[in-house]
Amino acid sequence: MFRIITIATFCFAALPVAAQTPPAPTFLGQIVVPSGLSINGVTFGGISDLTFDSETGRYLAISDDRVEKGPARYYELELAVTEGVVTLNIAATRELKDETGAAFAPKGIDAEGIALDRKGGKLYWSSERDLKNQPAIYVSDLDGGNVKRLELPDAYLVNDAKTKGVQNNLGFEGLSLASGKLIAATENALTQDGQKATPQAGSPARILVIDTATLKPVAEHVYVTEAISKTPTAAEPKYNDNGLSALAALPDGRFVAVERNFASGVGNHIRFFIVDLSGAENILGKDKIDAANMRPVSKTPWFEINEGDFGLDVDNIESLAFGPVVDGKQLFVIASDDNFNPGKQFTQFAAFAIPANLGQ
């Protein structure tokens, strides 16, 4: 955990939704874990989301290993920041089981999001795809038992013709909890809703709101990603993309959204937005949308990280979690998914701080 005298749940002052954007954060430090680290014969990596456990002071980090390097799993991590030096202890590895209590089969899960409800005694996680490219959201008890697979609206399910449902590897990436609601966001548009992000236009992703008491969807909104921001400079492979890669709740009802842009030969460009769902049109029940005629969620730019900003060689950031309040500062951590790509990518945990109790 962070080196803390007391652990406190973070809180901003109760403010009108549009009243304040958090100030630009202060960079505290980072730790980089080279891809290929093995723990008891299982490769560490693929970190695709974080959630903070205020009771233990640990971060839970889910791996998107498709049961090819080891079992479906998440890690319990202790991160400490002292005078700009970040240290990491991988305290535990926990296996994720399916709704029958069995281990997931190879490629049976592509875990991307994780959210902890310590008070309610529940752990939620999402999967982008299984062997049939179908997305999933799961909930279990804190010990990993009593697993349930939530029923999703039909719009998200891939049909045989592949003309409907999540696009391959662009399903549920962001997962967060707020006021008794589970918020799940796709990385880009559903197949029937529009194209992937391009250099000319963003992509109309969907945000699904699920009541944690009933485990039923109660709302759904459009989130339009930014256009791809960087042009590839590498001759081969010539590739670039942009997508919504993480979501974290703020206590005033808004969220932080992370958009991760990559261009071969250039690197990563990470953008952070403050997102408000309150004025967005509810599209729940719509199998297909015309995004141009929908009122999406509102987005306010917060800060961004280009290669070299904050002195970082920034990698594939897919995680953000708010941690404890320490000495009047609200800490948060972002983390990268190394794609199990030794020698070319790495697992990166970067720590930042903003003032706590803004407006007081």
Foldseek 3Di string as FASTA:
>chain_A
DEDFPAFDDFAAAQDPPPPDFFAAWFFQAKDWFFFPDDDPQATDFQFQAWEADSVVLWIKTFHQQQCPRHFGWIWTKHWYGDRSDIDIDRPDIDHAPAQVRHTQDRQQFRWAEWEDDVVVQKIKTWGCQGPVRAIWIWMAGPNNPNIDIFDDPPQQGQDPVRQGHADRPFQWQAWEDADQKIKTKTFFPTNQADDFAAQVFWGFIKIWIARNVVSHTDFMFTDTDGHADDFAPDPPPFDKHKTFQYWYDHHNQWIKTWMWIQGHPFAIKIWIWIWHQVPFDTPPPDSYDHVVPGRGIDIDTHDMDGCCVVHDNDHAWRYKYWTGQHPQKTKMWIWHGQVSDGPPGIIMIIMIITGTHPPD
